[in-house]
C-alpha atoms as a PDB file:
ATOM      1  CA  MET A   1      20.443  68.664 -42.635  1.00  0.00           C
ATOM      2  CA  ILE A   2      21.002  65.015 -41.726  1.00  0.00           C
ATOM      3  CA  GLN A   3      19.170  62.154 -43.469  1.00  0.00           C
ATOM      4  CA  LYS A   4      19.486  58.723 -41.852  1.00  0.00           C
ATOM      5  CA  PHE A   5      19.339  55.385 -43.666  1.00  0.00           C
ATOM      6  CA  GLU A   6      15.871  54.327 -44.799  1.00  0.00           C
ATOM      7  CA  PHE A   7      14.938  51.027 -46.476  1.00  0.00           C
ATOM      8  CA  HIS A   8      11.752  50.563 -48.512  1.00  0.00           C
ATOM      9  CA  GLU A   9      10.594  47.229 -49.920  1.00  0.00           C
ATOM     10  CA  THR A  10       9.230  47.351 -53.473  1.00  0.00           C
ATOM     11  CA  SER A  11       6.688  45.105 -55.166  1.00  0.00           C
ATOM     12  CA  ILE A  12       9.563  42.894 -56.436  1.00  0.00           C
ATOM     13  CA  PRO A  13      10.770  40.678 -53.547  1.00  0.00           C
ATOM     14  CA  GLY A  14      14.284  41.592 -52.449  1.00  0.00           C
ATOM     15  CA  LEU A  15      14.429  44.798 -54.520  1.00  0.00           C
ATOM     16  CA  ILE A  16      14.873  47.561 -51.958  1.00  0.00           C
ATOM     17  CA  GLU A  17      14.959  51.331 -52.347  1.00  0.00           C
ATOM     18  CA  VAL A  18      17.570  52.791 -50.035  1.00  0.00           C
ATOM     19  CA  THR A  19      18.008  56.331 -48.793  1.00  0.00           C
ATOM     20  CA  PRO A  20      21.571  56.462 -47.467  1.00  0.00           C
ATOM     21  CA  PHE A  21      22.952  58.501 -44.601  1.00  0.00           C
ATOM     22  CA  ASN A  22      23.607  62.024 -45.831  1.00  0.00           C
ATOM     23  CA  ALA A  23      24.703  65.173 -44.008  1.00  0.00           C
ATOM     24  CA  ASP A  24      24.661  68.556 -45.769  1.00  0.00           C
ATOM     25  CA  ASP A  25      26.417  71.677 -44.515  1.00  0.00           C
ATOM     26  CA  ILE A  26      28.106  74.781 -45.902  1.00  0.00           C
ATOM     27  CA  ARG A  27      30.969  72.678 -47.303  1.00  0.00           C
ATOM     28  CA  GLY A  28      28.724  70.354 -49.334  1.00  0.00           C
ATOM     29  CA  CYS A  29      27.711  66.919 -48.125  1.00  0.00           C
ATOM     30  CA  PHE A  30      28.941  63.679 -46.608  1.00  0.00           C
ATOM     31  CA  THR A  31      27.216  60.486 -47.800  1.00  0.00           C
ATOM     32  CA  LYS A  32      27.532  56.951 -46.433  1.00  0.00           C
ATOM     33  CA  ASP A  33      25.716  54.684 -48.885  1.00  0.00           C
ATOM     34  CA  TYR A  34      26.639  51.322 -47.361  1.00  0.00           C
ATOM     35  CA  SER A  35      27.147  49.991 -43.855  1.00  0.00           C
ATOM     36  CA  LYS A  36      27.248  46.242 -43.324  1.00  0.00           C
ATOM     37  CA  GLU A  37      26.146  46.749 -39.710  1.00  0.00           C
ATOM     38  CA  ILE A  38      23.175  48.999 -40.558  1.00  0.00           C
ATOM     39  CA  PHE A  39      22.069  46.810 -43.472  1.00  0.00           C
ATOM     40  CA  GLU A  40      22.170  43.675 -41.290  1.00  0.00           C
ATOM     41  CA  ALA A  41      20.293  45.477 -38.473  1.00  0.00           C
ATOM     42  CA  ASN A  42      17.547  46.019 -41.070  1.00  0.00           C
ATOM     43  CA  GLY A  43      17.530  42.360 -42.138  1.00  0.00           C
ATOM     44  CA  ILE A  44      19.588  42.874 -45.305  1.00  0.00           C
ATOM     45  CA  GLN A  45      22.567  40.622 -46.033  1.00  0.00           C
ATOM     46  CA  HIS A  46      24.870  42.294 -48.590  1.00  0.00           C
ATOM     47  CA  ASP A  47      28.565  41.457 -48.254  1.00  0.00           C
ATOM     48  CA  LEU A  48      30.727  43.421 -50.663  1.00  0.00           C
ATOM     49  CA  ALA A  49      32.872  41.450 -53.115  1.00  0.00           C
ATOM     50  CA  GLU A  50      33.790  44.316 -55.453  1.00  0.00           C
ATOM     51  CA  VAL A  51      32.902  47.903 -56.317  1.00  0.00           C
ATOM     52  CA  PHE A  52      32.995  49.500 -59.753  1.00  0.00           C
ATOM     53  CA  TYR A  53      31.788  52.624 -61.545  1.00  0.00           C
ATOM     54  CA  THR A  54      30.509  53.504 -64.982  1.00  0.00           C
ATOM     55  CA  THR A  55      30.692  56.914 -66.618  1.00  0.00           C
ATOM     56  CA  SER A  56      28.071  57.424 -69.325  1.00  0.00           C
ATOM     57  CA  HIS A  57      26.946  60.114 -71.738  1.00  0.00           C
ATOM     58  CA  ARG A  58      23.360  61.330 -72.023  1.00  0.00           C
ATOM     59  CA  GLY A  59      21.391  58.893 -74.193  1.00  0.00           C
ATOM     60  CA  VAL A  60      23.353  55.761 -73.266  1.00  0.00           C
ATOM     61  CA  ILE A  61      21.287  52.683 -72.517  1.00  0.00           C
ATOM     62  CA  ARG A  62      23.123  50.020 -70.578  1.00  0.00           C
ATOM     63  CA  ALA A  63      20.818  47.159 -71.456  1.00  0.00           C
ATOM     64  CA  LEU A  64      19.267  44.559 -69.184  1.00  0.00           C
ATOM     65  CA  HIS A  65      22.362  42.812 -67.827  1.00  0.00           C
ATOM     66  CA  PHE A  66      22.856  39.866 -65.466  1.00  0.00           C
ATOM     67  CA  GLN A  67      25.239  36.976 -64.787  1.00  0.00           C
ATOM     68  CA  ARG A  68      23.919  33.540 -65.732  1.00  0.00           C
ATOM     69  CA  VAL A  69      25.989  31.887 -63.001  1.00  0.00           C
ATOM     70  CA  LYS A  70      27.244  33.404 -59.734  1.00  0.00           C
ATOM     71  CA  GLN A  71      24.570  36.070 -59.937  1.00  0.00           C
ATOM     72  CA  GLN A  72      25.505  39.520 -58.690  1.00  0.00           C
ATOM     73  CA  PRO A  73      23.313  41.205 -56.086  1.00  0.00           C
ATOM     74  CA  LYS A  74      24.225  44.879 -56.357  1.00  0.00           C
ATOM     75  CA  LEU A  75      23.690  48.172 -54.599  1.00  0.00           C
ATOM     76  CA  VAL A  76      23.371  50.753 -57.382  1.00  0.00           C
ATOM     77  CA  ARG A  77      23.623  54.523 -56.955  1.00  0.00           C
ATOM     78  CA  CYS A  78      24.026  57.378 -59.402  1.00  0.00           C
ATOM     79  CA  ILE A  79      26.688  59.444 -57.664  1.00  0.00           C
ATOM     80  CA  TRP A  80      26.701  62.179 -60.300  1.00  0.00           C
ATOM     81  CA  GLY A  81      24.001  62.986 -62.841  1.00  0.00           C
ATOM     82  CA  HIS A  82      20.662  61.262 -63.422  1.00  0.00           C
ATOM     83  CA  VAL A  83      19.718  57.815 -64.713  1.00  0.00           C
ATOM     84  CA  TRP A  84      16.362  56.107 -65.217  1.00  0.00           C
ATOM     85  CA  ASP A  85      17.138  52.704 -63.736  1.00  0.00           C
ATOM     86  CA  VAL A  86      15.281  49.463 -64.561  1.00  0.00           C
ATOM     87  CA  VAL A  87      15.165  46.105 -62.766  1.00  0.00           C
ATOM     88  CA  VAL A  88      13.484  43.022 -64.287  1.00  0.00           C
ATOM     89  CA  ASP A  89      12.698  39.961 -62.154  1.00  0.00           C
ATOM     90  CA  LEU A  90      13.971  36.832 -63.969  1.00  0.00           C
ATOM     91  CA  ARG A  91      13.416  34.375 -61.093  1.00  0.00           C
ATOM     92  CA  LYS A  92      10.937  31.751 -62.341  1.00  0.00           C
ATOM     93  CA  ASP A  93       9.565  31.022 -58.853  1.00  0.00           C
ATOM     94  CA  SER A  94       9.056  34.684 -57.994  1.00  0.00           C
ATOM     95  CA  PRO A  95       5.492  36.047 -57.813  1.00  0.00           C
ATOM     96  CA  THR A  96       6.758  38.994 -59.877  1.00  0.00           C
ATOM     97  CA  PHE A  97       8.527  36.947 -62.591  1.00  0.00           C
ATOM     98  CA  LYS A  98       9.070  39.110 -65.704  1.00  0.00           C
ATOM     99  CA  LYS A  99       7.844  42.261 -63.941  1.00  0.00           C
ATOM    100  CA  TRP A 100       9.949  45.393 -64.265  1.00  0.00           C
ATOM    101  CA  LEU A 101      10.235  48.451 -62.050  1.00  0.00           C
ATOM    102  CA  ALA A 102      11.971  51.753 -62.776  1.00  0.00           C
ATOM    103  CA  PHE A 103      13.614  54.279 -60.486  1.00  0.00           C
ATOM    104  CA  ASP A 104      14.985  57.781 -60.967  1.00  0.00           C
ATOM    105  CA  LEU A 105      18.469  57.631 -59.485  1.00  0.00           C
ATOM    106  CA  ILE A 106      19.758  61.172 -59.083  1.00  0.00           C
ATOM    107  CA  GLY A 107      23.200  62.167 -57.850  1.00  0.00           C
ATOM    108  CA  GLU A 108      21.975  65.131 -55.805  1.00  0.00           C
ATOM    109  CA  LYS A 109      19.251  62.980 -54.219  1.00  0.00           C
ATOM    110  CA  HIS A 110      21.765  60.263 -53.136  1.00  0.00           C
ATOM    111  CA  ASN A 111      19.121  57.521 -53.549  1.00  0.00           C
ATOM    112  CA  GLU A 112      20.040  53.949 -54.449  1.00  0.00           C
ATOM    113  CA  ILE A 113      18.544  50.518 -55.029  1.00  0.00           C
ATOM    114  CA  LEU A 114      19.567  47.066 -53.867  1.00  0.00           C
ATOM    115  CA  VAL A 115      19.080  44.698 -56.824  1.00  0.00           C
ATOM    116  CA  PRO A 116      18.731  41.040 -55.767  1.00  0.00           C
ATOM    117  CA  ALA A 117      20.323  38.051 -57.495  1.00  0.00           C
ATOM    118  CA  GLY A 118      18.172  36.735 -60.331  1.00  0.00           C
ATOM    119  CA  CYS A 119      17.200  40.135 -61.697  1.00  0.00           C
ATOM    120  CA  ALA A 120      18.327  41.905 -64.849  1.00  0.00           C
ATOM    121  CA  HIS A 121      19.432  45.511 -64.495  1.00  0.00           C
ATOM    122  CA  GLY A 122      19.904  48.430 -66.856  1.00  0.00           C
ATOM    123  CA  TYR A 123      19.425  52.153 -67.217  1.00  0.00           C
ATOM    124  CA  LEU A 124      18.908  55.090 -69.554  1.00  0.00           C
ATOM    125  CA  VAL A 125      21.245  58.013 -68.919  1.00  0.00           C
ATOM    126  CA  LEU A 126      19.270  61.265 -68.753  1.00  0.00           C
ATOM    127  CA  GLU A 127      22.311  63.467 -68.060  1.00  0.00           C
ATOM    128  CA  HIS A 128      26.036  62.723 -68.067  1.00  0.00           C
ATOM    129  CA  SER A 129      26.380  60.342 -65.117  1.00  0.00           C
ATOM    130  CA  ILE A 130      28.646  58.294 -62.895  1.00  0.00           C
ATOM    131  CA  VAL A 131      27.029  55.174 -61.432  1.00  0.00           C
ATOM    132  CA  SER A 132      28.418  53.104 -58.563  1.00  0.00           C
ATOM    133  CA  TYR A 133      27.876  49.347 -58.219  1.00  0.00           C
ATOM    134  CA  LYS A 134      28.635  47.694 -54.880  1.00  0.00           C
ATOM    135  CA  CYS A 135      28.402  43.992 -55.718  1.00  0.00           C
ATOM    136  CA  ALA A 136      28.040  41.007 -53.395  1.00  0.00           C
ATOM    137  CA  GLU A 137      29.571  38.729 -56.062  1.00  0.00           C
ATOM    138  CA  LYS A 138      32.481  39.487 -58.354  1.00  0.00           C
ATOM    139  CA  PHE A 139      32.112  39.966 -62.090  1.00  0.00           C
ATOM    140  CA  TYR A 140      32.736  36.922 -64.300  1.00  0.00           C
ATOM    141  CA  GLY A 141      33.010  37.818 -67.980  1.00  0.00           C
ATOM    142  CA  GLU A 142      32.256  34.245 -69.063  1.00  0.00           C
ATOM    143  CA  TYR A 143      28.817  34.425 -67.378  1.00  0.00           C
ATOM    144  CA  ASP A 144      27.983  37.981 -68.436  1.00  0.00           C
ATOM    145  CA  ASP A 145      24.685  38.124 -70.333  1.00  0.00           C
ATOM    146  CA  GLY A 146      21.627  40.238 -70.969  1.00  0.00           C
ATOM    147  CA  ILE A 147      18.316  40.809 -72.690  1.00  0.00           C
ATOM    148  CA  MET A 148      17.819  43.442 -75.357  1.00  0.00           C
ATOM    149  CA  TRP A 149      16.695  46.817 -74.005  1.00  0.00           C
ATOM    150  CA  ASN A 150      13.557  46.968 -76.172  1.00  0.00           C
ATOM    151  CA  ASP A 151      12.375  43.379 -75.790  1.00  0.00           C
ATOM    152  CA  PRO A 152       8.620  43.350 -76.573  1.00  0.00           C
ATOM    153  CA  ASP A 153       7.799  40.580 -74.070  1.00  0.00           C
ATOM    154  CA  ILE A 154       9.242  42.522 -71.146  1.00  0.00           C
ATOM    155  CA  GLY A 155       7.945  45.821 -72.512  1.00  0.00           C
ATOM    156  CA  VAL A 156      10.002  48.347 -70.549  1.00  0.00           C
ATOM    157  CA  GLU A 157       8.534  51.791 -71.238  1.00  0.00           C
ATOM    158  CA  TRP A 158      11.769  53.744 -71.592  1.00  0.00           C
ATOM    159  CA  PRO A 159      11.222  57.544 -71.382  1.00  0.00           C
ATOM    160  CA  LEU A 160      13.078  58.191 -74.635  1.00  0.00           C
ATOM    161  CA  GLU A 161      11.383  61.577 -75.004  1.00  0.00           C
ATOM    162  CA  LEU A 162      13.666  62.779 -72.182  1.00  0.00           C
ATOM    163  CA  ILE A 163      16.697  62.332 -74.475  1.00  0.00           C
ATOM    164  CA  GLY A 164      14.988  63.669 -77.603  1.00  0.00           C
ATOM    165  CA  GLY A 165      13.783  60.324 -78.993  1.00  0.00           C
ATOM    166  CA  GLU A 166      15.075  56.905 -80.039  1.00  0.00           C
ATOM    167  CA  GLU A 167      17.491  58.410 -82.577  1.00  0.00           C
ATOM    168  CA  ASN A 168      19.582  59.724 -79.657  1.00  0.00           C
ATOM    169  CA  ILE A 169      20.158  56.327 -77.995  1.00  0.00           C
ATOM    170  CA  ILE A 170      23.791  55.270 -77.618  1.00  0.00           C
ATOM    171  CA  LEU A 171      24.303  51.484 -77.432  1.00  0.00           C
ATOM    172  CA  ALA A 172      27.511  49.493 -77.146  1.00  0.00           C
ATOM    173  CA  GLU A 173      27.973  46.762 -79.761  1.00  0.00           C
ATOM    174  CA  LYS A 174      27.512  44.208 -76.984  1.00  0.00           C
ATOM    175  CA  ASP A 175      24.098  45.660 -76.122  1.00  0.00           C
ATOM    176  CA  LYS A 176      23.012  45.815 -79.780  1.00  0.00           C
ATOM    177  CA  ASN A 177      23.425  42.020 -79.983  1.00  0.00           C
ATOM    178  CA  LEU A 178      21.701  40.842 -76.811  1.00  0.00           C
ATOM    179  CA  GLN A 179      19.074  38.091 -76.892  1.00  0.00           C
ATOM    180  CA  THR A 180      15.325  38.420 -76.583  1.00  0.00           C
ATOM    181  CA  PHE A 181      13.522  37.282 -73.447  1.00  0.00           C
ATOM    182  CA  ASN A 182      12.089  34.297 -75.393  1.00  0.00           C
ATOM    183  CA  ILE A 183      15.558  33.133 -76.431  1.00  0.00           C
ATOM    184  CA  PHE A 184      16.796  33.582 -72.845  1.00  0.00           C
ATOM    185  CA  GLN A 185      13.924  31.372 -71.627  1.00  0.00           C
ATOM    186  CA  MET A 186      14.571  28.715 -74.281  1.00  0.00           C
ATOM    187  CA  LYS A 187      18.298  28.620 -73.445  1.00  0.00           C
ATOM    188  CA  TYR A 188      18.177  28.887 -69.666  1.00  0.00           C
ATOM    189  CA  GLY A 189      14.540  28.618 -68.558  1.00  0.00           C
ATOM    190  CA  SER A 190      15.149  31.445 -66.062  1.00  0.00           C
ATOM    191  CA  PHE A 191      16.876  31.609 -62.696  1.00  0.00           C
END
């Protein structure tokens, strides 16, 4: 079976759900999850600057991360496993400012999302997973920042029951010490 690229706008401007090219046969599958030419033919500008991967255990939450400066648009795909992925619009002039959307990114489904600059991104790992990030800006540690995963003003409704409850969350020290949305707004206003 062959699945061609499909692009679906979401209610957050610039946040696009992508179904990549995928061909299954008796050997397994072949997936092409990025093509500059195909993206541009569909009105999407996403020039790769760097690609990286995370490997995460079930229960990990990688909080709501972003770069304060030189923001990183990113094409995110779970290439193995299953993550519940969250994007929060932090662009003050956006009609969806502070809105969040969630997506089930599943390795076997090959689906991905294109996260625009000015949005925070994070996910809850539902099964041991490898996630790919194809970024249009490189990572700068000095600008790396985030908002705490359980910020009450953003109110992400994490499906913690799928990992057996809050007691099974795994957080890095960095993510345990992230700021609230209110502190982010006081310090930076927004993007």
